[in-house]
Amino acid sequence: GKVRILTSGMTDYQEEQSVELETLRCIYTAEELTEVSQNPPCFRVNVSQEAENEGDLSVSVEVQFTLPENYPDSPPAMEVVAQSGLADEQAEQLVDKLQEQAADNLGMVMVFTLVSFVQEWVQGVCESVREERERERKRKEEEEKRKEEARLHGTPVTIENFLEWRRKFEQEMAPERGGKGRESSQQAARLTGRQMFLNDASLAQSDARFLTESADLEQVEVDESLFQDLGDLTLEEAQS
């Protein structure tokens, strides 16, 4: 059975609580252990996890324990009274876990066990955050790598994306082609006789054929003076 050490004027519960509190004073520093009251025994223990590397999470949580009269046969009342690096939901989850741990340790002094659980829980939270940030960092690196490879090698050509590209290209070029067509028509209307002969060799060839064929019929004499003033004559002026 369980042996209880009794001191004059103290119940067995009070004696166990007193011995446990004295033990806690030896284990934790004044910064970690804060005594709130003696009756009922109430104290706070601060647990901190500092970031080891840049980008790691720093967590600090302060848990208050209030011992009921028949502790340790009844669990202590526990609450998170201060926190940093934790969301409210996480603090509530911690209290729920502590209550489960207390239920498993009824009949034995348990504050040190509960504080040790808090330390492990905080370390687990920091490790989970660190792993999540590492996964996110690797994901971003892979994404940047894929973008760089796509930039260097381009997009593989398939029938589908080639047809889509050609459709868009033709849509973009249609207005420009229409504009060039109108410009060409306007320029053609303003060509001089000399420019028309220079731009279209078929005109000169047709005249040569005409002269060759006519030579068989009769000698054709051309008065060159008739064409001396036609050098700058435009198509509109010639038609008028």
Protein backbone atom coordinates (compact mmCIF):
# COMPACT_ATOMS: atom_id res chain seq x y z
CA GLY A 1 0.00 0.00 0.00
CA LYS A 2 0.87 3.68 -0.13
CA VAL A 3 2.88 5.07 2.81
CA ARG A 4 2.01 8.60 3.96
CA ILE A 5 4.42 10.62 6.11
CA LEU A 6 2.59 12.60 8.76
CA THR A 7 3.79 15.77 10.47
CA SER A 8 2.24 17.16 13.64
CA GLY A 9 -0.87 19.21 12.84
CA MET A 10 -0.95 18.14 9.16
CA THR A 11 -3.20 15.71 7.35
CA ASP A 12 -1.59 13.16 5.13
CA TYR A 13 -2.71 15.11 2.06
CA GLN A 14 -1.20 18.34 3.35
CA GLU A 15 2.05 16.56 4.11
CA GLU A 16 2.32 15.13 0.60
CA GLN A 17 1.51 18.47 -0.93
CA SER A 18 4.11 20.22 1.23
CA VAL A 19 6.84 17.72 0.34
CA GLU A 20 6.00 17.97 -3.36
CA LEU A 21 6.10 21.75 -3.36
CA GLU A 22 9.48 21.72 -1.64
CA THR A 23 10.76 19.32 -4.28
CA LEU A 24 9.47 21.58 -7.04
CA ARG A 25 11.35 24.53 -5.50
CA CYS A 26 14.56 22.52 -5.82
CA ILE A 27 13.91 21.49 -9.42
CA TYR A 28 12.77 24.77 -10.97
CA THR A 29 14.30 28.23 -10.81
CA ALA A 30 12.53 31.29 -9.42
CA GLU A 31 11.84 32.39 -13.01
CA GLU A 32 10.20 29.06 -13.80
CA LEU A 33 8.21 28.53 -10.58
CA THR A 34 5.92 31.21 -9.17
CA GLU A 35 3.97 30.56 -5.96
CA VAL A 36 0.58 32.23 -5.96
CA SER A 37 -0.95 31.11 -2.65
CA GLN A 38 -0.49 28.57 0.16
CA ASN A 39 -4.10 27.82 1.00
CA PRO A 40 -5.07 26.29 -1.23
CA PRO A 41 -1.62 25.53 -2.66
CA CYS A 42 -1.45 27.34 -6.00
CA PHE A 43 1.59 27.91 -8.18
CA ARG A 44 2.57 28.47 -11.78
CA VAL A 45 5.27 26.80 -13.84
CA ASN A 46 6.65 28.39 -16.98
CA VAL A 47 7.86 26.20 -19.83
CA SER A 48 9.74 27.78 -22.73
CA GLN A 49 11.23 26.52 -25.95
CA GLU A 50 13.60 28.95 -27.63
CA ALA A 51 14.25 28.88 -31.35
CA GLU A 52 17.46 27.02 -32.14
CA ASN A 53 17.73 28.21 -35.73
CA GLU A 54 16.55 31.20 -37.69
CA GLY A 55 12.91 30.71 -38.63
CA ASP A 56 12.19 28.25 -35.81
CA LEU A 57 9.22 28.83 -33.51
CA SER A 58 9.70 30.12 -29.98
CA VAL A 59 7.03 29.03 -27.51
CA SER A 60 6.39 30.01 -23.92
CA VAL A 61 3.50 28.71 -21.84
CA GLU A 62 2.70 29.22 -18.17
CA VAL A 63 0.46 26.65 -16.50
CA GLN A 64 -1.20 27.27 -13.15
CA PHE A 65 -1.81 24.35 -10.77
CA THR A 66 -4.24 24.57 -7.87
CA LEU A 67 -4.21 21.55 -5.55
CA PRO A 68 -7.54 20.45 -4.06
CA GLU A 69 -7.73 19.36 -0.42
CA ASN A 70 -7.55 15.64 -1.20
CA TYR A 71 -4.78 15.89 -3.84
CA PRO A 72 -3.27 13.58 -5.14
CA ASP A 73 -6.37 11.42 -4.95
CA SER A 74 -8.09 14.22 -6.89
CA PRO A 75 -6.46 15.93 -9.85
CA PRO A 76 -5.20 19.53 -9.63
CA ALA A 77 -7.11 22.31 -11.34
CA MET A 78 -5.04 23.42 -14.32
CA GLU A 79 -5.20 26.34 -16.72
CA VAL A 80 -2.91 28.14 -19.13
CA VAL A 81 -2.55 31.67 -17.74
CA ALA A 82 0.03 33.01 -20.23
CA GLN A 83 1.31 31.95 -23.61
CA SER A 84 3.30 33.10 -26.63
CA GLY A 85 3.77 31.34 -29.90
CA LEU A 86 0.57 29.33 -29.38
CA ALA A 87 -2.96 29.84 -30.60
CA ASP A 88 -5.83 29.80 -28.10
CA GLU A 89 -7.02 26.51 -29.57
CA GLN A 90 -3.60 24.96 -28.91
CA ALA A 91 -3.66 26.15 -25.30
CA GLU A 92 -7.07 24.53 -24.85
CA GLN A 93 -5.77 21.30 -26.36
CA LEU A 94 -2.86 21.35 -23.91
CA VAL A 95 -5.22 21.63 -20.92
CA ASP A 96 -7.27 18.71 -22.25
CA LYS A 97 -4.12 16.60 -22.56
CA LEU A 98 -3.04 17.54 -19.03
CA GLN A 99 -6.38 16.44 -17.64
CA GLU A 100 -5.96 13.07 -19.34
CA GLN A 101 -2.48 12.73 -17.87
CA ALA A 102 -3.74 13.66 -14.39
CA ALA A 103 -6.46 11.03 -14.58
CA ASP A 104 -3.80 8.41 -15.30
CA ASN A 105 -1.72 9.45 -12.27
CA LEU A 106 -4.34 9.72 -9.52
CA GLY A 107 -3.05 8.65 -6.10
CA MET A 108 0.51 9.82 -6.84
CA VAL A 109 2.04 13.30 -6.67
CA MET A 110 2.04 14.32 -10.28
CA VAL A 111 2.97 17.97 -10.83
CA PHE A 112 6.50 17.16 -11.99
CA THR A 113 5.10 14.52 -14.34
CA LEU A 114 2.57 17.00 -15.72
CA VAL A 115 5.18 19.72 -16.24
CA SER A 116 7.41 17.21 -18.02
CA PHE A 117 4.46 16.42 -20.30
CA VAL A 118 4.08 20.15 -21.05
CA GLN A 119 7.75 20.36 -21.98
CA GLU A 120 7.47 17.43 -24.38
CA TRP A 121 4.25 18.81 -25.85
CA VAL A 122 5.83 22.21 -26.48
CA GLN A 123 8.84 20.59 -28.11
CA GLY A 124 6.50 18.60 -30.33
CA VAL A 125 4.66 21.75 -31.39
CA CYS A 126 7.92 23.50 -32.26
CA GLU A 127 9.15 20.47 -34.19
CA SER A 128 5.89 20.23 -36.15
CA VAL A 129 6.09 23.89 -37.10
CA ARG A 130 9.73 23.53 -38.08
CA GLU A 131 8.95 20.51 -40.29
CA GLU A 132 6.00 22.30 -41.89
CA ARG A 133 8.14 25.34 -42.66
CA GLU A 134 10.84 23.10 -44.09
CA ARG A 135 8.29 21.38 -46.35
CA GLU A 136 7.01 24.78 -47.48
CA ARG A 137 10.56 25.96 -48.18
CA LYS A 138 11.27 22.86 -50.28
CA ARG A 139 7.94 23.25 -52.09
CA LYS A 140 8.83 26.82 -53.05
CA GLU A 141 12.28 25.74 -54.19
CA GLU A 142 10.77 23.03 -56.40
CA GLU A 143 8.26 25.51 -57.82
CA GLU A 144 11.04 27.99 -58.66
CA LYS A 145 13.07 25.17 -60.21
CA ARG A 146 10.15 24.13 -62.43
CA LYS A 147 9.60 27.74 -63.51
CA GLU A 148 13.27 28.13 -64.37
CA GLU A 149 13.30 24.88 -66.38
CA ALA A 150 10.16 25.97 -68.23
CA ARG A 151 11.78 29.31 -69.00
CA LEU A 152 14.95 27.67 -70.33
CA HIS A 153 13.37 24.83 -72.29
CA GLY A 154 10.02 26.34 -73.19
CA THR A 155 6.73 24.53 -73.48
CA PRO A 156 6.76 21.21 -75.40
CA VAL A 157 4.95 21.61 -78.74
CA THR A 158 1.87 19.49 -79.27
CA ILE A 159 -0.69 19.57 -82.05
CA GLU A 160 -3.21 21.13 -79.71
CA ASN A 161 -1.09 23.99 -78.42
CA PHE A 162 0.36 24.64 -81.92
CA LEU A 163 -3.12 25.02 -83.42
CA GLU A 164 -4.13 27.26 -80.55
CA TRP A 165 -1.03 29.39 -81.06
CA ARG A 166 -1.68 29.68 -84.82
CA ARG A 167 -5.31 30.66 -84.24
CA LYS A 168 -4.28 33.46 -81.88
CA PHE A 169 -1.48 34.54 -84.19
CA GLU A 170 -3.81 34.83 -87.17
CA GLN A 171 -6.31 36.81 -85.10
CA GLU A 172 -3.59 39.22 -84.07
CA MET A 173 -2.23 39.57 -87.60
CA ALA A 174 -5.60 40.02 -89.35
CA PRO A 175 -5.99 43.77 -88.61
CA GLU A 176 -2.36 44.42 -89.61
CA ARG A 177 -2.74 42.53 -92.86
CA GLY A 178 -5.93 44.41 -93.69
CA GLY A 179 -4.19 47.71 -93.05
CA LYS A 180 -1.25 46.75 -95.25
CA GLY A 181 -3.65 45.72 -98.04
CA ARG A 182 -5.32 49.10 -98.01
CA GLU A 183 -1.95 50.85 -97.96
CA SER A 184 -0.74 48.77 -100.92
CA SER A 185 -3.86 49.65 -102.94
CA GLN A 186 -3.42 53.32 -102.19
CA GLN A 187 0.27 53.20 -103.06
CA ALA A 188 -0.49 51.39 -106.33
CA ALA A 189 -2.96 54.10 -107.31
CA ARG A 190 -0.24 56.74 -106.84
CA LEU A 191 2.53 54.95 -108.82
CA THR A 192 4.08 56.87 -111.71
CA GLY A 193 4.46 55.24 -115.10
CA ARG A 194 8.17 54.75 -114.50
CA GLN A 195 7.55 53.10 -111.10
CA MET A 196 4.92 50.79 -112.57
CA PHE A 197 7.41 49.54 -115.18
CA LEU A 198 10.14 49.12 -112.56
CA ASN A 199 7.88 47.26 -110.10
CA ASP A 200 6.16 44.99 -112.64
CA ALA A 201 8.54 43.38 -115.16
CA SER A 202 5.59 41.85 -117.01
CA LEU A 203 4.68 45.26 -118.34
CA ALA A 204 8.03 45.61 -120.06
CA GLN A 205 7.84 42.03 -121.30
CA SER A 206 4.36 42.59 -122.76
CA ASP A 207 5.59 45.65 -124.64
CA ALA A 208 8.57 43.69 -125.92
CA ARG A 209 6.27 40.93 -127.16
CA PHE A 210 4.05 43.57 -128.81
CA LEU A 211 7.01 45.11 -130.64
CA THR A 212 8.36 41.70 -131.69
CA GLU A 213 5.04 40.55 -133.01
CA SER A 214 4.43 43.87 -134.79
CA ALA A 215 7.81 43.70 -136.51
CA ASP A 216 6.52 40.83 -138.62
CA LEU A 217 3.65 42.97 -139.84
CA GLU A 218 5.23 46.32 -140.30
CA GLN A 219 8.04 48.48 -139.08
CA VAL A 220 6.87 50.47 -136.08
CA GLU A 221 8.44 53.84 -135.51
CA VAL A 222 8.27 55.35 -132.03
CA ASP A 223 8.61 59.06 -131.44
CA GLU A 224 10.51 59.18 -128.09
CA SER A 225 9.69 62.85 -127.62
CA LEU A 226 6.11 61.86 -126.87
CA PHE A 227 7.19 60.15 -123.64
CA GLN A 228 9.66 62.70 -122.32
CA ASP A 229 7.04 64.47 -120.18
CA LEU A 230 5.43 61.35 -118.76
CA GLY A 231 8.14 60.56 -116.18
CA ASP A 232 6.26 61.97 -113.19
CA LEU A 233 2.75 61.36 -114.42
CA THR A 234 0.63 59.49 -111.79
CA LEU A 235 -1.95 56.84 -112.54
CA GLU A 236 -4.83 59.17 -111.57
CA GLU A 237 -3.53 61.92 -113.93
CA ALA A 238 -3.06 59.43 -116.76
CA GLN A 239 -6.62 58.14 -116.34
CA SER A 240 -8.05 61.66 -116.26
